[in-house]
Amino acid sequence: MKKEELKLTAEWDKTFPKSDKVDHEKATFVNRYGITLAADLYVPKNKSGKMPAIAVCGPFGAVKEQCAGLYAQTMAERGYLTLAFDPSFTGESGGNVRCMASPDVNTEDFMAAVDYLSLREDVDPDGIGVIGICGWGGMALNTAALDTRVKATVAATMYDMTRVNAKGYFDAEDSEEARYRKKAALCAQRLKDLANGSYQVGGGVVDPLPADVPFFVKDYYDYYKTPRGYHPRSLNSNGGWNVIGCESFLNQPILQYSNEIRSAVLIVHGEKAHSLYFGRDAYENMIRDSKYTDNKDLLIVAGAVHTDLYDGGGKNAIPFDKIDAFMRRYLK
């Protein structure tokens, strides 16, 4: 498959320091829609033979230089070959319409990463896992429901992006009337975009931060809009998705057959995260009427808010030891 020519940053421009325990290089691969994806490859130093491998992505609207790269580098320090990638239409990845998302295309992005890892000579194709963060936690579970090559999945501080688009935060807009208003506004925006010859962006995390916003908005601001997690290519740190960028999420629920996932799944969520209901419900739906519950688990991190599982929140909140133990068990 022909790859698009991508402009990849050569220097280290991550939101976390570079480790001296792993080798880092750029990588590209193509998904089944012909979109070339940009990635950072992290390889443990002084390793030989075929290694277990992990594809990492998220959060929704972030880039690989933020949380995904931190997870990938940390797991590489523990002996895994890891691949943190930018989704289609974002970051350094290809796709000639920017700032767009799709449940199907984004699930395919994960599956294409598994393709890439499976064909590497230094990877054990029977030892591949995925880690999805925030909105990409839901995409990781959706990938596990489709891709039998994935042996272990971690969904960290997950969102179900189809649910939040269709029902609003905390399901507060779960009505036919509310969804109709959303759909009508998006259809009107499509015509405005065509007339203007460009797509209107919806704005990233609100800035400046109003005093009366909910805590979770402040939580996002503290990560995406401060030196802690800001990145110039991150949608959440800057202009955000196109207004119509997530339109198809309104009528395309993911995770329809999650209770048929045979491979291992670990859902990790913060006790105080506003998004905890996504993780709890995803776990309950995954094990309901399932024949494959022995390798499924829900881990609640005491005291952690949503973005604590992005970078540790200054208190080492990401349970890397438990994630490592889980991966070691199932990526033998």
C-alpha atoms as a PDB file:
ATOM      1  CA  MET A   1       0.000   0.000   0.000  1.00  0.00           C
ATOM      2  CA  LYS A   2       1.308   3.419  -0.942  1.00  0.00           C
ATOM      3  CA  LYS A   3       2.078   5.659   2.005  1.00  0.00           C
ATOM      4  CA  GLU A   4       1.347   9.354   2.124  1.00  0.00           C
ATOM      5  CA  GLU A   5       4.378  11.553   2.559  1.00  0.00           C
ATOM      6  CA  LEU A   6       4.209  12.774   6.131  1.00  0.00           C
ATOM      7  CA  LYS A   7       6.221  15.524   7.749  1.00  0.00           C
ATOM      8  CA  LEU A   8       7.520  13.974  10.960  1.00  0.00           C
ATOM      9  CA  THR A   9       9.186  15.913  13.745  1.00  0.00           C
ATOM     10  CA  ALA A  10      12.768  14.776  14.257  1.00  0.00           C
ATOM     11  CA  GLU A  11      13.436  16.341  17.654  1.00  0.00           C
ATOM     12  CA  TRP A  12      12.062  15.140  20.978  1.00  0.00           C
ATOM     13  CA  ASP A  13       8.934  17.233  21.538  1.00  0.00           C
ATOM     14  CA  LYS A  14       7.024  15.178  24.097  1.00  0.00           C
ATOM     15  CA  THR A  15       5.346  16.409  27.270  1.00  0.00           C
ATOM     16  CA  PHE A  16       7.456  13.934  29.284  1.00  0.00           C
ATOM     17  CA  PRO A  17      11.233  13.403  29.555  1.00  0.00           C
ATOM     18  CA  LYS A  18      13.039  10.926  27.334  1.00  0.00           C
ATOM     19  CA  SER A  19      14.037   7.654  28.960  1.00  0.00           C
ATOM     20  CA  ASP A  20      17.582   6.312  28.725  1.00  0.00           C
ATOM     21  CA  LYS A  21      16.244   2.750  29.029  1.00  0.00           C
ATOM     22  CA  VAL A  22      14.615   2.579  25.601  1.00  0.00           C
ATOM     23  CA  ASP A  23      15.405   3.409  21.992  1.00  0.00           C
ATOM     24  CA  HIS A  24      12.993   5.718  20.218  1.00  0.00           C
ATOM     25  CA  GLU A  25      12.288   6.127  16.512  1.00  0.00           C
ATOM     26  CA  LYS A  26       9.537   7.303  14.204  1.00  0.00           C
ATOM     27  CA  ALA A  27       7.340   4.819  12.360  1.00  0.00           C
ATOM     28  CA  THR A  28       4.502   4.953   9.832  1.00  0.00           C
ATOM     29  CA  PHE A  29       1.865   2.454   8.751  1.00  0.00           C
ATOM     30  CA  VAL A  30      -1.244   2.475   6.566  1.00  0.00           C
ATOM     31  CA  ASN A  31      -4.801   1.620   7.573  1.00  0.00           C
ATOM     32  CA  ARG A  32      -7.320  -0.078   5.327  1.00  0.00           C
ATOM     33  CA  TYR A  33      -8.684   3.288   4.191  1.00  0.00           C
ATOM     34  CA  GLY A  34      -5.291   4.197   2.785  1.00  0.00           C
ATOM     35  CA  ILE A  35      -4.509   6.751   5.487  1.00  0.00           C
ATOM     36  CA  THR A  36      -0.899   6.798   6.640  1.00  0.00           C
ATOM     37  CA  LEU A  37      -0.532   7.003  10.405  1.00  0.00           C
ATOM     38  CA  ALA A  38       2.434   8.501  12.245  1.00  0.00           C
ATOM     39  CA  ALA A  39       3.771   6.810  15.337  1.00  0.00           C
ATOM     40  CA  ASP A  40       6.547   6.758  17.899  1.00  0.00           C
ATOM     41  CA  LEU A  41       8.188   3.377  18.391  1.00  0.00           C
ATOM     42  CA  TYR A  42       9.743   2.583  21.768  1.00  0.00           C
ATOM     43  CA  VAL A  43      12.062  -0.446  21.970  1.00  0.00           C
ATOM     44  CA  PRO A  44      13.693  -1.691  25.186  1.00  0.00           C
ATOM     45  CA  LYS A  45      17.474  -1.394  25.080  1.00  0.00           C
ATOM     46  CA  ASN A  46      19.516  -4.581  24.889  1.00  0.00           C
ATOM     47  CA  LYS A  47      16.551  -6.764  24.008  1.00  0.00           C
ATOM     48  CA  SER A  48      16.766  -9.501  21.395  1.00  0.00           C
ATOM     49  CA  GLY A  49      14.377 -12.007  19.905  1.00  0.00           C
ATOM     50  CA  LYS A  50      10.656 -11.594  19.570  1.00  0.00           C
ATOM     51  CA  MET A  51       9.067  -9.303  22.136  1.00  0.00           C
ATOM     52  CA  PRO A  52       5.496  -8.779  23.316  1.00  0.00           C
ATOM     53  CA  ALA A  53       4.137  -5.556  21.843  1.00  0.00           C
ATOM     54  CA  ILE A  54       1.535  -2.943  22.743  1.00  0.00           C
ATOM     55  CA  ALA A  55      -0.219  -0.324  20.592  1.00  0.00           C
ATOM     56  CA  VAL A  56      -1.216   2.802  22.525  1.00  0.00           C
ATOM     57  CA  CYS A  57      -3.519   5.704  21.668  1.00  0.00           C
ATOM     58  CA  GLY A  58      -5.488   8.466  23.359  1.00  0.00           C
ATOM     59  CA  PRO A  59      -6.964  10.532  24.799  1.00  0.00           C
ATOM     60  CA  PHE A  60      -9.601  11.643  22.293  1.00  0.00           C
ATOM     61  CA  GLY A  61      -8.251  14.881  20.826  1.00  0.00           C
ATOM     62  CA  ALA A  62      -4.712  14.363  22.142  1.00  0.00           C
ATOM     63  CA  VAL A  63      -1.525  13.447  20.277  1.00  0.00           C
ATOM     64  CA  LYS A  64       1.075  10.739  20.745  1.00  0.00           C
ATOM     65  CA  GLU A  65       3.454  13.216  22.342  1.00  0.00           C
ATOM     66  CA  GLN A  66       1.146  13.430  25.370  1.00  0.00           C
ATOM     67  CA  CYS A  67      -0.356  10.579  27.432  1.00  0.00           C
ATOM     68  CA  ALA A  68      -0.067   7.807  24.837  1.00  0.00           C
ATOM     69  CA  GLY A  69       3.672   8.366  24.531  1.00  0.00           C
ATOM     70  CA  LEU A  70       4.119   8.344  28.298  1.00  0.00           C
ATOM     71  CA  TYR A  71       2.293   5.022  28.600  1.00  0.00           C
ATOM     72  CA  ALA A  72       4.220   3.606  25.650  1.00  0.00           C
ATOM     73  CA  GLN A  73       7.650   4.657  26.906  1.00  0.00           C
ATOM     74  CA  THR A  74       6.933   3.441  30.434  1.00  0.00           C
ATOM     75  CA  MET A  75       5.779   0.037  29.212  1.00  0.00           C
ATOM     76  CA  ALA A  76       8.835  -0.179  26.945  1.00  0.00           C
ATOM     77  CA  GLU A  77      10.989   0.354  30.025  1.00  0.00           C
ATOM     78  CA  ARG A  78       9.328  -2.787  31.345  1.00  0.00           C
ATOM     79  CA  GLY A  79      10.249  -4.909  28.350  1.00  0.00           C
ATOM     80  CA  TYR A  80       7.540  -4.393  25.728  1.00  0.00           C
ATOM     81  CA  LEU A  81       7.979  -3.030  22.233  1.00  0.00           C
ATOM     82  CA  THR A  82       5.417  -0.247  22.100  1.00  0.00           C
ATOM     83  CA  LEU A  83       3.839   1.941  19.447  1.00  0.00           C
ATOM     84  CA  ALA A  84       2.114   5.235  20.284  1.00  0.00           C
ATOM     85  CA  PHE A  85       0.289   6.637  17.263  1.00  0.00           C
ATOM     86  CA  ASP A  86      -1.741   9.631  16.126  1.00  0.00           C
ATOM     87  CA  PRO A  87      -5.231   8.754  14.864  1.00  0.00           C
ATOM     88  CA  SER A  88      -6.337   9.492  11.317  1.00  0.00           C
ATOM     89  CA  PHE A  89      -6.832  13.192  10.502  1.00  0.00           C
ATOM     90  CA  THR A  90      -4.938  14.381  13.593  1.00  0.00           C
ATOM     91  CA  GLY A  91      -1.411  15.122  14.786  1.00  0.00           C
ATOM     92  CA  GLU A  92       1.285  14.041  12.360  1.00  0.00           C
ATOM     93  CA  SER A  93      -0.910  11.376  10.763  1.00  0.00           C
ATOM     94  CA  GLY A  94      -2.385  11.659   7.296  1.00  0.00           C
ATOM     95  CA  GLY A  95      -5.875  12.294   6.012  1.00  0.00           C
ATOM     96  CA  ASN A  96      -6.454  15.430   3.985  1.00  0.00           C
ATOM     97  CA  VAL A  97      -9.440  16.599   6.044  1.00  0.00           C
ATOM     98  CA  ARG A  98      -8.165  17.540   9.469  1.00  0.00           C
ATOM     99  CA  CYS A  99      -9.824  17.319  12.869  1.00  0.00           C
ATOM    100  CA  MET A 100     -12.357  14.630  11.939  1.00  0.00           C
ATOM    101  CA  ALA A 101     -13.260  11.449  13.838  1.00  0.00           C
ATOM    102  CA  SER A 102     -15.208   8.268  13.151  1.00  0.00           C
ATOM    103  CA  PRO A 103     -15.955   5.226  15.324  1.00  0.00           C
ATOM    104  CA  ASP A 104     -15.145   2.979  12.371  1.00  0.00           C
ATOM    105  CA  VAL A 105     -12.011   4.726  11.125  1.00  0.00           C
ATOM    106  CA  ASN A 106     -10.623   5.139  14.630  1.00  0.00           C
ATOM    107  CA  THR A 107     -11.195   1.472  15.483  1.00  0.00           C
ATOM    108  CA  GLU A 108      -9.458   0.627  12.217  1.00  0.00           C
ATOM    109  CA  ASP A 109      -6.522   2.801  13.282  1.00  0.00           C
ATOM    110  CA  PHE A 110      -5.960   0.453  16.235  1.00  0.00           C
ATOM    111  CA  MET A 111      -6.343  -2.635  14.037  1.00  0.00           C
ATOM    112  CA  ALA A 112      -3.847  -1.219  11.536  1.00  0.00           C
ATOM    113  CA  ALA A 113      -1.392  -0.721  14.402  1.00  0.00           C
ATOM    114  CA  VAL A 114      -1.846  -4.400  15.233  1.00  0.00           C
ATOM    115  CA  ASP A 115      -1.171  -5.202  11.553  1.00  0.00           C
ATOM    116  CA  TYR A 116       2.075  -3.243  11.734  1.00  0.00           C
ATOM    117  CA  LEU A 117       3.230  -4.865  14.951  1.00  0.00           C
ATOM    118  CA  SER A 118       2.270  -8.370  13.818  1.00  0.00           C
ATOM    119  CA  LEU A 119       4.569  -8.178  10.792  1.00  0.00           C
ATOM    120  CA  ARG A 120       7.648  -6.902  12.622  1.00  0.00           C
ATOM    121  CA  GLU A 121      10.408  -9.492  12.953  1.00  0.00           C
ATOM    122  CA  ASP A 122      11.110  -8.444  16.548  1.00  0.00           C
ATOM    123  CA  VAL A 123       7.490  -8.876  17.709  1.00  0.00           C
ATOM    124  CA  ASP A 124       5.739 -12.022  18.872  1.00  0.00           C
ATOM    125  CA  PRO A 125       2.496 -11.903  16.848  1.00  0.00           C
ATOM    126  CA  ASP A 126       0.773 -13.979  19.534  1.00  0.00           C
ATOM    127  CA  GLY A 127       1.714 -11.459  22.214  1.00  0.00           C
ATOM    128  CA  ILE A 128       0.103  -8.184  21.135  1.00  0.00           C
ATOM    129  CA  GLY A 129      -1.984  -5.936  23.369  1.00  0.00           C
ATOM    130  CA  VAL A 130      -3.547  -2.483  23.172  1.00  0.00           C
ATOM    131  CA  ILE A 131      -3.892   0.386  25.623  1.00  0.00           C
ATOM    132  CA  GLY A 132      -6.511   3.077  25.063  1.00  0.00           C
ATOM    133  CA  ILE A 133      -6.778   6.215  27.179  1.00  0.00           C
ATOM    134  CA  CYS A 134      -9.938   8.302  27.690  1.00  0.00           C
ATOM    135  CA  GLY A 135     -12.018   8.201  24.474  1.00  0.00           C
ATOM    136  CA  TRP A 136      -9.546   5.760  23.045  1.00  0.00           C
ATOM    137  CA  GLY A 137     -10.292   3.415  25.938  1.00  0.00           C
ATOM    138  CA  GLY A 138     -13.667   2.867  24.313  1.00  0.00           C
ATOM    139  CA  MET A 139     -11.983   2.418  20.919  1.00  0.00           C
ATOM    140  CA  ALA A 140      -9.586  -0.119  22.478  1.00  0.00           C
ATOM    141  CA  LEU A 141     -12.531  -2.150  23.779  1.00  0.00           C
ATOM    142  CA  ASN A 142     -14.193  -1.886  20.381  1.00  0.00           C
ATOM    143  CA  THR A 143     -10.982  -3.169  18.823  1.00  0.00           C
ATOM    144  CA  ALA A 144     -10.884  -6.097  21.264  1.00  0.00           C
ATOM    145  CA  ALA A 145     -14.441  -6.959  20.198  1.00  0.00           C
ATOM    146  CA  LEU A 146     -13.314  -7.145  16.544  1.00  0.00           C
ATOM    147  CA  ASP A 147      -9.653  -8.167  16.498  1.00  0.00           C
ATOM    148  CA  THR A 148      -8.930 -11.736  17.583  1.00  0.00           C
ATOM    149  CA  ARG A 149      -5.189 -11.049  17.385  1.00  0.00           C
ATOM    150  CA  VAL A 150      -5.379  -8.753  20.420  1.00  0.00           C
ATOM    151  CA  LYS A 151      -4.614 -10.825  23.498  1.00  0.00           C
ATOM    152  CA  ALA A 152      -4.904  -8.142  26.193  1.00  0.00           C
ATOM    153  CA  THR A 153      -6.587  -4.739  26.373  1.00  0.00           C
ATOM    154  CA  VAL A 154      -6.282  -1.943  28.935  1.00  0.00           C
ATOM    155  CA  ALA A 155      -8.830   0.873  28.901  1.00  0.00           C
ATOM    156  CA  ALA A 156      -7.625   3.707  31.155  1.00  0.00           C
ATOM    157  CA  THR A 157      -9.979   6.461  32.406  1.00  0.00           C
ATOM    158  CA  MET A 158     -12.211   5.544  29.461  1.00  0.00           C
ATOM    159  CA  TYR A 159     -14.986   7.400  27.684  1.00  0.00           C
ATOM    160  CA  ASP A 160     -17.579   5.850  25.406  1.00  0.00           C
ATOM    161  CA  MET A 161     -17.539   8.619  22.801  1.00  0.00           C
ATOM    162  CA  THR A 162     -20.703   7.424  21.084  1.00  0.00           C
ATOM    163  CA  ARG A 163     -22.586   7.547  24.391  1.00  0.00           C
ATOM    164  CA  VAL A 164     -21.424  11.021  25.383  1.00  0.00           C
ATOM    165  CA  ASN A 165     -22.201  12.413  21.920  1.00  0.00           C
ATOM    166  CA  ALA A 166     -25.657  10.858  21.768  1.00  0.00           C
ATOM    167  CA  LYS A 167     -26.681  11.341  25.401  1.00  0.00           C
ATOM    168  CA  GLY A 168     -24.540  14.189  26.707  1.00  0.00           C
ATOM    169  CA  TYR A 169     -22.463  14.186  29.877  1.00  0.00           C
ATOM    170  CA  PHE A 170     -23.939  11.976  32.590  1.00  0.00           C
ATOM    171  CA  ASP A 171     -26.708  11.059  30.090  1.00  0.00           C
ATOM    172  CA  ALA A 172     -28.356  14.418  30.814  1.00  0.00           C
ATOM    173  CA  GLU A 173     -29.395  14.876  27.152  1.00  0.00           C
ATOM    174  CA  ASP A 174     -30.737  11.383  26.571  1.00  0.00           C
ATOM    175  CA  SER A 175     -33.926  12.224  24.687  1.00  0.00           C
ATOM    176  CA  GLU A 176     -35.139  12.136  21.124  1.00  0.00           C
ATOM    177  CA  GLU A 177     -35.735  15.890  21.219  1.00  0.00           C
ATOM    178  CA  ALA A 178     -32.205  16.679  22.415  1.00  0.00           C
ATOM    179  CA  ARG A 179     -30.668  14.425  19.784  1.00  0.00           C
ATOM    180  CA  TYR A 180     -32.847  15.982  17.083  1.00  0.00           C
ATOM    181  CA  ARG A 181     -31.632  19.459  18.001  1.00  0.00           C
ATOM    182  CA  LYS A 182     -28.030  18.284  17.820  1.00  0.00           C
ATOM    183  CA  LYS A 183     -28.548  16.643  14.448  1.00  0.00           C
ATOM    184  CA  ALA A 184     -30.337  19.682  13.028  1.00  0.00           C
ATOM    185  CA  ALA A 185     -27.524  21.989  14.180  1.00  0.00           C
ATOM    186  CA  LEU A 186     -24.882  19.716  12.654  1.00  0.00           C
ATOM    187  CA  CYS A 187     -26.730  19.521   9.338  1.00  0.00           C
ATOM    188  CA  ALA A 188     -26.959  23.316   9.248  1.00  0.00           C
ATOM    189  CA  GLN A 189     -23.243  23.547  10.009  1.00  0.00           C
ATOM    190  CA  ARG A 190     -22.436  21.267   7.083  1.00  0.00           C
ATOM    191  CA  LEU A 191     -23.979  23.815   4.687  1.00  0.00           C
ATOM    192  CA  LYS A 192     -22.162  26.698   6.360  1.00  0.00           C
ATOM    193  CA  ASP A 193     -18.871  24.834   5.979  1.00  0.00           C
ATOM    194  CA  LEU A 194     -19.509  24.147   2.299  1.00  0.00           C
ATOM    195  CA  ALA A 195     -20.433  27.776   1.677  1.00  0.00           C
ATOM    196  CA  ASN A 196     -17.311  28.974   3.501  1.00  0.00           C
ATOM    197  CA  GLY A 197     -15.018  26.427   1.843  1.00  0.00           C
ATOM    198  CA  SER A 198     -13.593  25.342   5.193  1.00  0.00           C
ATOM    199  CA  TYR A 199     -14.596  23.456   8.310  1.00  0.00           C
ATOM    200  CA  GLN A 200     -15.421  25.414  11.452  1.00  0.00           C
ATOM    201  CA  VAL A 201     -13.521  24.153  14.480  1.00  0.00           C
ATOM    202  CA  GLY A 202     -15.436  23.826  17.707  1.00  0.00           C
ATOM    203  CA  GLY A 203     -12.716  24.976  20.081  1.00  0.00           C
ATOM    204  CA  GLY A 204     -10.581  22.888  22.408  1.00  0.00           C
ATOM    205  CA  VAL A 205     -10.589  23.134  26.181  1.00  0.00           C
ATOM    206  CA  VAL A 206     -12.129  26.465  27.165  1.00  0.00           C
ATOM    207  CA  ASP A 207      -9.587  29.249  27.709  1.00  0.00           C
ATOM    208  CA  PRO A 208      -9.667  31.506  29.651  1.00  0.00           C
ATOM    209  CA  LEU A 209     -11.326  29.321  32.248  1.00  0.00           C
ATOM    210  CA  PRO A 210     -14.597  30.707  33.664  1.00  0.00           C
ATOM    211  CA  ALA A 211     -14.968  30.567  37.425  1.00  0.00           C
ATOM    212  CA  ASP A 212     -18.236  28.639  37.402  1.00  0.00           C
ATOM    213  CA  VAL A 213     -17.341  25.641  35.212  1.00  0.00           C
ATOM    214  CA  PRO A 214     -17.693  22.065  36.532  1.00  0.00           C
ATOM    215  CA  PHE A 215     -14.638  20.469  38.110  1.00  0.00           C
ATOM    216  CA  PHE A 216     -13.995  18.160  35.166  1.00  0.00           C
ATOM    217  CA  VAL A 217     -13.569  21.183  32.861  1.00  0.00           C
ATOM    218  CA  LYS A 218     -10.983  22.588  35.288  1.00  0.00           C
ATOM    219  CA  ASP A 219      -9.374  19.146  35.330  1.00  0.00           C
ATOM    220  CA  TYR A 220      -8.996  19.209  31.549  1.00  0.00           C
ATOM    221  CA  TYR A 221      -7.707  22.780  31.607  1.00  0.00           C
ATOM    222  CA  ASP A 222      -5.059  21.842  34.174  1.00  0.00           C
ATOM    223  CA  TYR A 223      -3.722  19.226  31.781  1.00  0.00           C
ATOM    224  CA  TYR A 224      -4.210  20.530  28.248  1.00  0.00           C
ATOM    225  CA  LYS A 225      -3.752  24.267  28.767  1.00  0.00           C
ATOM    226  CA  THR A 226      -0.751  24.306  31.114  1.00  0.00           C
ATOM    227  CA  PRO A 227       2.874  23.201  30.695  1.00  0.00           C
ATOM    228  CA  ARG A 228       1.845  19.922  32.346  1.00  0.00           C
ATOM    229  CA  GLY A 229       0.290  18.616  29.128  1.00  0.00           C
ATOM    230  CA  TYR A 230       0.040  21.344  26.474  1.00  0.00           C
ATOM    231  CA  HIS A 231       1.182  20.375  22.982  1.00  0.00           C
ATOM    232  CA  PRO A 232       0.966  22.555  19.850  1.00  0.00           C
ATOM    233  CA  ARG A 233      -0.490  19.714  17.737  1.00  0.00           C
ATOM    234  CA  SER A 234      -3.078  18.620  20.292  1.00  0.00           C
ATOM    235  CA  LEU A 235      -6.670  19.430  19.338  1.00  0.00           C
ATOM    236  CA  ASN A 236      -7.702  19.683  22.979  1.00  0.00           C
ATOM    237  CA  SER A 237      -4.872  22.119  23.702  1.00  0.00           C
ATOM    238  CA  ASN A 238      -5.821  24.322  20.750  1.00  0.00           C
ATOM    239  CA  GLY A 239      -8.696  24.653  18.270  1.00  0.00           C
ATOM    240  CA  GLY A 240     -10.463  21.358  18.955  1.00  0.00           C
ATOM    241  CA  TRP A 241     -12.386  19.090  16.598  1.00  0.00           C
ATOM    242  CA  ASN A 242     -14.376  20.415  13.681  1.00  0.00           C
ATOM    243  CA  VAL A 243     -17.934  21.238  14.766  1.00  0.00           C
ATOM    244  CA  ILE A 244     -19.169  18.368  12.550  1.00  0.00           C
ATOM    245  CA  GLY A 245     -16.119  16.229  13.301  1.00  0.00           C
ATOM    246  CA  CYS A 246     -17.959  13.704  15.479  1.00  0.00           C
ATOM    247  CA  GLU A 247     -21.347  13.774  13.752  1.00  0.00           C
ATOM    248  CA  SER A 248     -21.524  10.039  13.021  1.00  0.00           C
ATOM    249  CA  PHE A 249     -21.031   9.186  16.714  1.00  0.00           C
ATOM    250  CA  LEU A 250     -24.670  10.193  17.321  1.00  0.00           C
ATOM    251  CA  ASN A 251     -26.035   7.059  15.639  1.00  0.00           C
ATOM    252  CA  GLN A 252     -23.160   4.573  15.762  1.00  0.00           C
ATOM    253  CA  PRO A 253     -22.864   3.056  19.240  1.00  0.00           C
ATOM    254  CA  ILE A 254     -19.693   1.069  19.806  1.00  0.00           C
ATOM    255  CA  LEU A 255     -19.284  -1.974  22.084  1.00  0.00           C
ATOM    256  CA  GLN A 256     -22.400  -3.768  20.808  1.00  0.00           C
ATOM    257  CA  TYR A 257     -20.905  -7.216  21.376  1.00  0.00           C
ATOM    258  CA  SER A 258     -18.396  -6.451  24.107  1.00  0.00           C
ATOM    259  CA  ASN A 259     -19.679  -9.422  26.127  1.00  0.00           C
ATOM    260  CA  GLU A 260     -18.304 -11.659  23.371  1.00  0.00           C
ATOM    261  CA  ILE A 261     -14.720 -10.471  23.880  1.00  0.00           C
ATOM    262  CA  ARG A 262     -12.733 -13.630  24.629  1.00  0.00           C
ATOM    263  CA  SER A 263      -9.377 -11.954  25.258  1.00  0.00           C
ATOM    264  CA  ALA A 264      -8.291 -10.335  28.530  1.00  0.00           C
ATOM    265  CA  VAL A 265      -9.516  -6.841  29.419  1.00  0.00           C
ATOM    266  CA  LEU A 266      -8.562  -4.554  32.286  1.00  0.00           C
ATOM    267  CA  ILE A 267     -10.564  -1.354  32.778  1.00  0.00           C
ATOM    268  CA  VAL A 268      -8.764   1.174  35.001  1.00  0.00           C
ATOM    269  CA  HIS A 269     -10.572   4.212  36.363  1.00  0.00           C
ATOM    270  CA  GLY A 270     -10.130   6.851  39.021  1.00  0.00           C
ATOM    271  CA  GLU A 271     -12.413   6.741  42.047  1.00  0.00           C
ATOM    272  CA  LYS A 272     -13.136  10.478  41.789  1.00  0.00           C
ATOM    273  CA  ALA A 273     -13.148  10.738  37.981  1.00  0.00           C
ATOM    274  CA  HIS A 274     -16.261  12.336  36.507  1.00  0.00           C
ATOM    275  CA  SER A 275     -16.049   9.661  33.805  1.00  0.00           C
ATOM    276  CA  LEU A 276     -16.139   6.678  36.158  1.00  0.00           C
ATOM    277  CA  TYR A 277     -19.651   5.755  35.024  1.00  0.00           C
ATOM    278  CA  PHE A 278     -18.287   4.962  31.542  1.00  0.00           C
ATOM    279  CA  GLY A 279     -15.811   2.453  32.949  1.00  0.00           C
ATOM    280  CA  ARG A 280     -18.241   0.858  35.414  1.00  0.00           C
ATOM    281  CA  ASP A 281     -20.969   0.452  32.802  1.00  0.00           C
ATOM    282  CA  ALA A 282     -18.552  -0.831  30.146  1.00  0.00           C
ATOM    283  CA  TYR A 283     -17.320  -3.470  32.580  1.00  0.00           C
ATOM    284  CA  GLU A 284     -20.832  -4.527  33.591  1.00  0.00           C
ATOM    285  CA  ASN A 285     -21.962  -4.735  29.965  1.00  0.00           C
ATOM    286  CA  MET A 286     -18.841  -6.701  29.046  1.00  0.00           C
ATOM    287  CA  ILE A 287     -19.423  -9.417  31.632  1.00  0.00           C
ATOM    288  CA  ARG A 288     -23.243  -9.575  31.407  1.00  0.00           C
ATOM    289  CA  ASP A 289     -24.322 -12.936  29.963  1.00  0.00           C
ATOM    290  CA  SER A 290     -20.693 -13.536  28.951  1.00  0.00           C
ATOM    291  CA  LYS A 291     -18.899 -16.866  28.863  1.00  0.00           C
ATOM    292  CA  TYR A 292     -15.541 -15.084  29.130  1.00  0.00           C
ATOM    293  CA  THR A 293     -15.402 -13.360  32.511  1.00  0.00           C
ATOM    294  CA  ASP A 294     -12.400 -14.993  34.166  1.00  0.00           C
ATOM    295  CA  ASN A 295      -9.964 -12.683  32.348  1.00  0.00           C
ATOM    296  CA  LYS A 296     -11.923  -9.442  32.820  1.00  0.00           C
ATOM    297  CA  ASP A 297     -11.292  -6.949  35.626  1.00  0.00           C
ATOM    298  CA  LEU A 298     -12.203  -3.446  36.783  1.00  0.00           C
ATOM    299  CA  LEU A 299      -9.551  -1.585  38.788  1.00  0.00           C
ATOM    300  CA  ILE A 300     -10.608   1.563  40.661  1.00  0.00           C
ATOM    301  CA  VAL A 301      -7.709   3.826  41.654  1.00  0.00           C
ATOM    302  CA  ALA A 302      -8.400   5.401  45.046  1.00  0.00           C
ATOM    303  CA  GLY A 303      -8.600   9.198  45.083  1.00  0.00           C
ATOM    304  CA  ALA A 304      -7.766   9.616  41.387  1.00  0.00           C
ATOM    305  CA  VAL A 305      -9.567  12.090  39.122  1.00  0.00           C
ATOM    306  CA  HIS A 306      -9.859  11.726  35.355  1.00  0.00           C
ATOM    307  CA  THR A 307      -6.573  13.313  34.249  1.00  0.00           C
ATOM    308  CA  ASP A 308      -4.580  11.658  37.050  1.00  0.00           C
ATOM    309  CA  LEU A 309      -4.529   8.621  34.758  1.00  0.00           C
ATOM    310  CA  TYR A 310      -3.146  10.761  31.929  1.00  0.00           C
ATOM    311  CA  ASP A 311       0.230  11.445  33.512  1.00  0.00           C
ATOM    312  CA  GLY A 312      -0.026  10.386  37.149  1.00  0.00           C
ATOM    313  CA  GLY A 313      -1.321  13.754  38.329  1.00  0.00           C
ATOM    314  CA  GLY A 314       1.847  14.359  40.332  1.00  0.00           C
ATOM    315  CA  LYS A 315       0.991  11.463  42.636  1.00  0.00           C
ATOM    316  CA  ASN A 316       1.939   8.401  40.572  1.00  0.00           C
ATOM    317  CA  ALA A 317      -1.729   7.561  40.087  1.00  0.00           C
ATOM    318  CA  ILE A 318      -1.230   5.374  37.007  1.00  0.00           C
ATOM    319  CA  PRO A 319      -0.991   1.769  38.302  1.00  0.00           C
ATOM    320  CA  PHE A 320       1.795   0.718  35.949  1.00  0.00           C
ATOM    321  CA  ASP A 321       2.788  -2.227  38.154  1.00  0.00           C
ATOM    322  CA  LYS A 322      -0.704  -3.701  37.859  1.00  0.00           C
ATOM    323  CA  ILE A 323      -0.938  -2.934  34.141  1.00  0.00           C
ATOM    324  CA  ASP A 324       2.436  -4.613  33.662  1.00  0.00           C
ATOM    325  CA  ALA A 325       1.376  -7.678  35.670  1.00  0.00           C
ATOM    326  CA  PHE A 326      -1.811  -7.923  33.614  1.00  0.00           C
ATOM    327  CA  MET A 327       0.063  -7.675  30.319  1.00  0.00           C
ATOM    328  CA  ARG A 328       2.711 -10.164  31.422  1.00  0.00           C
ATOM    329  CA  ARG A 329       0.032 -12.674  32.315  1.00  0.00           C
ATOM    330  CA  TYR A 330      -1.755 -12.500  28.973  1.00  0.00           C
ATOM    331  CA  LEU A 331       1.043 -11.579  26.548  1.00  0.00           C
ATOM    332  CA  LYS A 332       3.131 -14.510  27.732  1.00  0.00           C
END
